[in-house]
Amino acid sequence: MTLDLDSTVITRNGEQEGAVRGYNPGRRGRASHHPLLAFVAEARMVANFWLRPGNTHSANNVLQFLEATLAHLGEKKVGLLRADSGFFDDVFLKVLEEKRIPYIIAARLNQVLQRGLYQATGWWALEPGLELTEISYQAACWSQPRRVIVVRQSIRQRKNAPGKLCPSSKMILTFKDGVTGAFVTTLELPVAEVWRTYRGRADCENRIKELKADFGLDAFNLRDFWATESALGFAMLAYNLMSLFRQSVMRARVQHTLSTLHGLVLSIGGAWKTNSKTDEPKRLMLSIPRKHRAWLLRATVPASDQ
């Protein structure tokens, strides 16, 4: 399975335990919590969740978090771990290599790595405005070099290109107005496949947005730290149950959010209809728009009974 690690900022209003000032790009200077999350990409489920104070770094306690997550997964094998640049840490990479867990982790573009990108050769165009290459990079604190995949994109040709904007004064890239991304990996796949594989990690951002919008990730807040974490643990459980419902019962290609499913399946008006003159059994009359009837029938009634 593919395991995605990420963290998010939850702004708090008050003086709750663990709510302190830290990195908060949305509301600078406000107190917050900074939870750590792990997602199973294929199942779209939460594998683990730890609540942390707002001034905690992204990779803080990640080794203990990884051990706890692997314990939750039991005998399941992690075939790939993906994470953003907040987890670009030599100690963490060594642990993954010792456990033989393949990984793709976004690299922090420090000055030494930027110099390596500037000297990189062998660029080839995957699409107009999109070029890739790879380099061997070894930071000063690393005991060995590692493979780094580099992607550069022109924002003139690809306006929605993700990555770090490169100042024209430094000319890190060939593109004067461009963005770049670098990923350290143990995979031996071609550079284009590594880049495409890492792009799938963006789906965990959608999971976090759904947790906040539909499951109260940023709404449950109690005075005690552990009470807040317990409440949010129930929110994670509710999310996983709903994810299983979508996959096992709905079996739809489109993964509907909870707010959408609420109107389609969970909150449908109905009434019992009886006929006192006959012995006919009661009938449950559901208020379902005609265009949704066939869809709901396929989702709720076994094919043998349809």
Protein backbone atom coordinates (compact mmCIF):
# COMPACT_ATOMS: atom_id res chain seq x y z
CA MET A 1 0.00 0.00 0.00
CA THR A 2 0.99 3.64 -0.42
CA LEU A 3 1.33 5.65 2.80
CA ASP A 4 1.10 9.45 2.62
CA LEU A 5 2.32 11.56 5.54
CA ASP A 6 1.19 15.14 6.00
CA SER A 7 0.52 17.76 8.64
CA THR A 8 -1.96 20.59 8.82
CA VAL A 9 -2.54 23.75 10.85
CA ILE A 10 -5.73 24.11 12.89
CA THR A 11 -6.32 27.65 14.14
CA ARG A 12 -7.67 27.90 17.68
CA ASN A 13 -9.54 30.70 19.43
CA GLY A 14 -8.88 30.63 23.15
CA GLU A 15 -6.33 29.30 25.61
CA GLN A 16 -6.73 25.56 25.16
CA GLU A 17 -3.90 23.22 26.12
CA GLY A 18 -1.41 22.83 23.26
CA ALA A 19 -2.81 25.78 21.32
CA VAL A 20 0.24 28.02 20.90
CA ARG A 21 1.63 30.37 18.30
CA GLY A 22 3.51 28.70 15.48
CA TYR A 23 3.52 28.43 11.69
CA ASN A 24 0.06 29.59 10.62
CA PRO A 25 0.01 30.97 7.07
CA GLY A 26 -3.75 31.41 7.04
CA ARG A 27 -4.01 33.48 10.23
CA ARG A 28 -0.59 34.70 11.20
CA GLY A 29 0.10 35.10 14.89
CA ARG A 30 -2.92 33.09 16.01
CA ALA A 31 -2.67 30.08 18.31
CA SER A 32 -3.01 26.70 16.64
CA HIS A 33 -2.58 22.94 16.80
CA HIS A 34 -0.38 21.14 14.28
CA PRO A 35 -1.57 17.50 13.93
CA LEU A 36 0.30 14.79 12.05
CA LEU A 37 -1.66 12.46 9.77
CA ALA A 38 -1.02 9.31 7.76
CA PHE A 39 -3.30 8.19 4.91
CA VAL A 40 -3.56 4.92 3.01
CA ALA A 41 -3.81 6.23 -0.53
CA GLU A 42 -5.49 3.24 -2.17
CA ALA A 43 -8.22 2.96 0.48
CA ARG A 44 -8.53 6.72 1.07
CA MET A 45 -8.52 6.10 4.81
CA VAL A 46 -6.72 7.56 7.81
CA ALA A 47 -4.02 5.18 9.06
CA ASN A 48 -2.95 7.27 12.05
CA PHE A 49 -3.48 10.66 13.68
CA TRP A 50 -1.51 12.50 16.35
CA LEU A 51 -2.44 15.90 17.73
CA ARG A 52 0.54 18.19 18.42
CA PRO A 53 1.09 21.74 19.74
CA GLY A 54 1.04 24.56 17.22
CA ASN A 55 4.76 25.34 17.47
CA THR A 56 5.80 21.81 16.45
CA HIS A 57 7.89 21.25 13.30
CA SER A 58 6.37 19.05 10.59
CA ALA A 59 8.85 16.20 11.19
CA ASN A 60 8.77 16.36 14.99
CA ASN A 61 8.13 12.87 16.49
CA VAL A 62 7.78 11.46 12.99
CA LEU A 63 9.89 8.38 13.83
CA GLN A 64 7.60 7.43 16.71
CA PHE A 65 4.59 8.27 14.56
CA LEU A 66 5.88 5.97 11.81
CA GLU A 67 6.35 3.08 14.27
CA ALA A 68 2.83 3.55 15.61
CA THR A 69 1.41 3.70 12.09
CA LEU A 70 3.17 0.50 11.02
CA ALA A 71 1.81 -1.17 14.16
CA HIS A 72 -1.71 -0.10 13.16
CA LEU A 73 -1.23 -1.60 9.71
CA GLY A 74 -0.19 -4.95 11.15
CA GLU A 75 1.03 -7.35 8.47
CA LYS A 76 0.21 -4.94 5.64
CA LYS A 77 3.29 -3.98 3.66
CA VAL A 78 4.07 -0.37 2.81
CA GLY A 79 5.21 -0.40 -0.81
CA LEU A 80 5.74 3.36 -0.98
CA LEU A 81 5.86 6.32 1.41
CA ARG A 82 5.28 9.85 0.17
CA ALA A 83 5.71 13.11 2.08
CA ASP A 84 6.33 16.80 1.50
CA SER A 85 9.50 18.78 2.21
CA GLY A 86 8.67 19.06 5.91
CA PHE A 87 9.87 15.46 6.25
CA PHE A 88 13.10 15.97 4.29
CA ASP A 89 15.35 14.83 7.13
CA ASP A 90 18.40 12.56 7.00
CA VAL A 91 17.45 10.62 10.15
CA PHE A 92 13.98 9.91 8.78
CA LEU A 93 15.38 8.85 5.41
CA LYS A 94 17.84 6.48 7.10
CA VAL A 95 15.05 4.82 9.07
CA LEU A 96 13.02 4.28 5.91
CA GLU A 97 16.05 2.79 4.17
CA GLU A 98 16.76 0.49 7.12
CA LYS A 99 13.14 -0.70 7.06
CA ARG A 100 13.36 -1.05 3.25
CA ILE A 101 10.37 1.19 2.71
CA PRO A 102 10.62 2.85 -0.73
CA TYR A 103 9.97 6.58 -0.56
CA ILE A 104 9.50 9.78 -2.53
CA ILE A 105 9.92 12.88 -0.39
CA ALA A 106 9.98 16.47 -1.60
CA ALA A 107 13.36 18.13 -1.03
CA ARG A 108 13.94 21.49 0.60
CA LEU A 109 15.66 23.78 -1.90
CA ASN A 110 18.57 24.97 0.24
CA GLN A 111 21.51 26.80 -1.34
CA VAL A 112 23.65 23.68 -1.77
CA LEU A 113 20.86 21.84 -3.56
CA GLN A 114 20.06 24.90 -5.65
CA ARG A 115 23.67 24.94 -6.81
CA GLY A 116 23.32 21.31 -7.83
CA LEU A 117 20.16 22.12 -9.77
CA TYR A 118 21.92 24.94 -11.57
CA GLN A 119 24.68 22.55 -12.66
CA ALA A 120 22.28 19.75 -13.65
CA THR A 121 22.40 18.48 -17.22
CA GLY A 122 20.44 16.01 -19.29
CA TRP A 123 17.15 17.89 -19.20
CA TRP A 124 14.45 16.46 -21.44
CA ALA A 125 10.99 17.76 -22.22
CA LEU A 126 8.04 15.65 -21.12
CA GLU A 127 5.51 18.25 -22.26
CA PRO A 128 5.77 21.83 -23.55
CA GLY A 129 7.06 23.87 -20.62
CA LEU A 130 7.84 20.80 -18.49
CA GLU A 131 11.34 19.33 -18.23
CA LEU A 132 12.88 16.69 -15.96
CA THR A 133 16.28 15.35 -15.02
CA GLU A 134 17.99 13.65 -12.08
CA ILE A 135 21.10 14.33 -10.03
CA SER A 136 23.04 12.62 -7.27
CA TYR A 137 22.96 14.83 -4.19
CA GLN A 138 24.71 14.48 -0.82
CA ALA A 139 24.15 17.04 1.90
CA ALA A 140 26.97 17.85 4.32
CA CYS A 141 25.36 15.79 7.10
CA TRP A 142 24.56 12.80 4.90
CA SER A 143 26.71 9.68 4.92
CA GLN A 144 25.84 8.82 1.32
CA PRO A 145 24.49 10.45 -1.84
CA ARG A 146 20.88 9.97 -2.82
CA ARG A 147 18.93 10.13 -6.05
CA VAL A 148 17.07 13.41 -6.59
CA ILE A 149 14.52 13.92 -9.36
CA VAL A 150 14.22 17.53 -10.54
CA VAL A 151 11.26 19.04 -12.34
CA ARG A 152 11.14 22.53 -13.83
CA GLN A 153 8.12 24.17 -15.38
CA SER A 154 7.45 27.38 -17.22
CA ILE A 155 4.64 29.40 -15.66
CA ARG A 156 4.10 31.09 -19.01
CA GLN A 157 3.22 27.78 -20.65
CA ARG A 158 1.81 26.06 -17.54
CA LYS A 159 0.06 28.70 -15.45
CA ASN A 160 -1.07 26.23 -12.77
CA ALA A 161 2.36 24.68 -12.35
CA PRO A 162 3.07 23.79 -8.70
CA GLY A 163 6.48 24.32 -7.12
CA LYS A 164 8.82 27.02 -5.87
CA LEU A 165 9.12 30.24 -7.84
CA CYS A 166 12.68 30.83 -8.99
CA PRO A 167 13.89 34.44 -8.75
CA SER A 168 15.22 35.64 -12.09
CA SER A 169 18.20 37.21 -10.31
CA LYS A 170 19.53 33.83 -9.18
CA MET A 171 18.75 32.02 -12.42
CA ILE A 172 18.46 28.61 -10.78
CA LEU A 173 16.53 27.41 -13.81
CA THR A 174 16.83 27.85 -17.51
CA PHE A 175 13.33 29.32 -17.43
CA LYS A 176 13.58 32.95 -16.33
CA ASP A 177 10.03 32.84 -14.99
CA GLY A 178 9.60 29.28 -13.80
CA VAL A 179 8.98 26.99 -10.87
CA THR A 180 10.84 23.90 -9.79
CA GLY A 181 10.46 20.87 -7.60
CA ALA A 182 12.95 18.28 -6.36
CA PHE A 183 12.22 14.85 -4.90
CA VAL A 184 14.58 12.46 -3.15
CA THR A 185 13.70 8.82 -3.81
CA THR A 186 14.90 5.24 -3.57
CA LEU A 187 12.76 4.16 -6.52
CA GLU A 188 14.56 3.02 -9.65
CA LEU A 189 11.73 4.04 -11.95
CA PRO A 190 12.25 6.51 -14.81
CA VAL A 191 12.17 10.15 -13.72
CA ALA A 192 8.78 10.78 -15.36
CA GLU A 193 7.21 7.87 -13.48
CA VAL A 194 8.66 9.08 -10.16
CA TRP A 195 7.19 12.53 -10.78
CA ARG A 196 3.78 11.14 -11.75
CA THR A 197 3.76 8.83 -8.74
CA TYR A 198 4.51 11.67 -6.35
CA ARG A 199 1.75 13.81 -7.83
CA GLY A 200 -0.76 11.32 -6.46
CA ARG A 201 0.11 12.56 -2.98
CA ALA A 202 -1.94 15.67 -3.65
CA ASP A 203 -5.06 13.60 -2.96
CA CYS A 204 -4.26 13.59 0.77
CA GLU A 205 -4.73 17.37 0.70
CA ASN A 206 -8.28 16.69 -0.46
CA ARG A 207 -8.72 14.26 2.44
CA ILE A 208 -7.62 16.96 4.91
CA LYS A 209 -10.02 19.48 3.37
CA GLU A 210 -12.85 16.97 3.67
CA LEU A 211 -11.93 16.22 7.29
CA LYS A 212 -12.16 19.92 8.08
CA ALA A 213 -15.29 20.66 6.07
CA ASP A 214 -17.42 17.57 6.88
CA PHE A 215 -15.95 15.88 9.96
CA GLY A 216 -15.06 18.80 12.22
CA LEU A 217 -11.28 18.42 12.26
CA ASP A 218 -10.93 22.11 13.07
CA ALA A 219 -14.13 22.34 15.15
CA PHE A 220 -13.62 19.90 18.04
CA ASN A 221 -11.63 21.76 20.65
CA LEU A 222 -11.68 21.04 24.37
CA ARG A 223 -9.73 22.53 27.24
CA ASP A 224 -7.49 19.50 27.80
CA PHE A 225 -5.05 18.41 25.08
CA TRP A 226 -5.76 14.69 25.36
CA ALA A 227 -9.51 15.28 25.39
CA THR A 228 -9.22 17.18 22.12
CA GLU A 229 -7.13 14.38 20.59
CA SER A 230 -9.69 11.79 21.71
CA ALA A 231 -12.54 13.76 20.15
CA LEU A 232 -10.61 14.09 16.90
CA GLY A 233 -9.87 10.37 17.05
CA PHE A 234 -13.62 9.74 16.81
CA ALA A 235 -13.73 12.10 13.83
CA MET A 236 -11.05 9.96 12.13
CA LEU A 237 -13.07 6.82 12.90
CA ALA A 238 -16.20 8.41 11.40
CA TYR A 239 -14.23 9.36 8.29
CA ASN A 240 -12.94 5.80 7.84
CA LEU A 241 -16.41 4.33 8.27
CA MET A 242 -17.77 6.73 5.66
CA SER A 243 -14.88 5.85 3.33
CA LEU A 244 -15.73 2.15 3.67
CA PHE A 245 -19.39 2.96 2.99
CA ARG A 246 -18.47 4.80 -0.21
CA GLN A 247 -16.28 1.98 -1.46
CA SER A 248 -18.21 -1.08 -0.28
CA VAL A 249 -21.80 0.12 -0.61
CA MET A 250 -21.84 3.01 -3.06
CA ARG A 251 -19.16 1.56 -5.36
CA ALA A 252 -19.18 4.74 -7.41
CA ARG A 253 -16.32 6.00 -9.51
CA VAL A 254 -16.82 9.46 -8.05
CA GLN A 255 -15.94 9.66 -4.35
CA HIS A 256 -18.79 11.83 -3.08
CA THR A 257 -18.15 13.97 -0.01
CA LEU A 258 -20.22 13.54 3.13
CA SER A 259 -22.19 16.70 2.41
CA THR A 260 -23.15 15.30 -1.01
CA LEU A 261 -24.01 11.85 0.34
CA HIS A 262 -26.15 13.47 3.01
CA GLY A 263 -28.63 14.66 0.42
CA LEU A 264 -28.33 11.62 -1.86
CA VAL A 265 -28.51 8.75 0.63
CA LEU A 266 -28.45 9.64 4.32
CA SER A 267 -31.28 12.16 4.59
CA ILE A 268 -34.17 11.07 2.35
CA GLY A 269 -37.73 11.97 3.19
CA GLY A 270 -40.18 9.10 3.42
CA ALA A 271 -43.52 7.89 4.79
CA TRP A 272 -45.23 4.59 5.53
CA LYS A 273 -48.23 3.84 3.33
CA THR A 274 -50.89 1.47 4.61
CA ASN A 275 -54.12 0.20 3.11
CA SER A 276 -56.67 -0.62 5.79
CA LYS A 277 -59.02 -2.32 3.30
CA THR A 278 -56.49 -4.96 2.27
CA ASP A 279 -53.88 -7.10 3.95
CA GLU A 280 -51.09 -5.66 1.90
CA PRO A 281 -47.91 -5.04 3.90
CA LYS A 282 -46.84 -1.52 4.67
CA ARG A 283 -44.87 0.26 1.99
CA LEU A 284 -42.10 2.74 2.60
CA MET A 285 -42.49 5.59 0.12
CA LEU A 286 -39.23 7.49 -0.39
CA SER A 287 -39.01 10.98 -1.82
CA ILE A 288 -36.33 10.47 -4.47
CA PRO A 289 -36.03 12.50 -7.67
CA ARG A 290 -36.67 10.39 -10.74
CA LYS A 291 -33.17 10.91 -12.12
CA HIS A 292 -31.64 9.42 -8.93
CA ARG A 293 -33.93 6.38 -8.56
CA ALA A 294 -32.00 4.00 -10.80
CA TRP A 295 -28.71 5.03 -9.18
CA LEU A 296 -30.02 4.47 -5.64
CA LEU A 297 -31.53 1.11 -6.63
CA ARG A 298 -28.17 -0.13 -7.92
CA ALA A 299 -26.43 1.09 -4.75
CA THR A 300 -28.82 -0.43 -2.19
CA VAL A 301 -30.42 -3.52 -3.75
CA PRO A 302 -28.40 -6.66 -4.63
CA ALA A 303 -28.19 -7.31 -8.36
CA SER A 304 -29.99 -10.68 -7.93
CA ASP A 305 -33.05 -8.92 -6.47
CA GLN A 306 -33.27 -6.04 -8.97
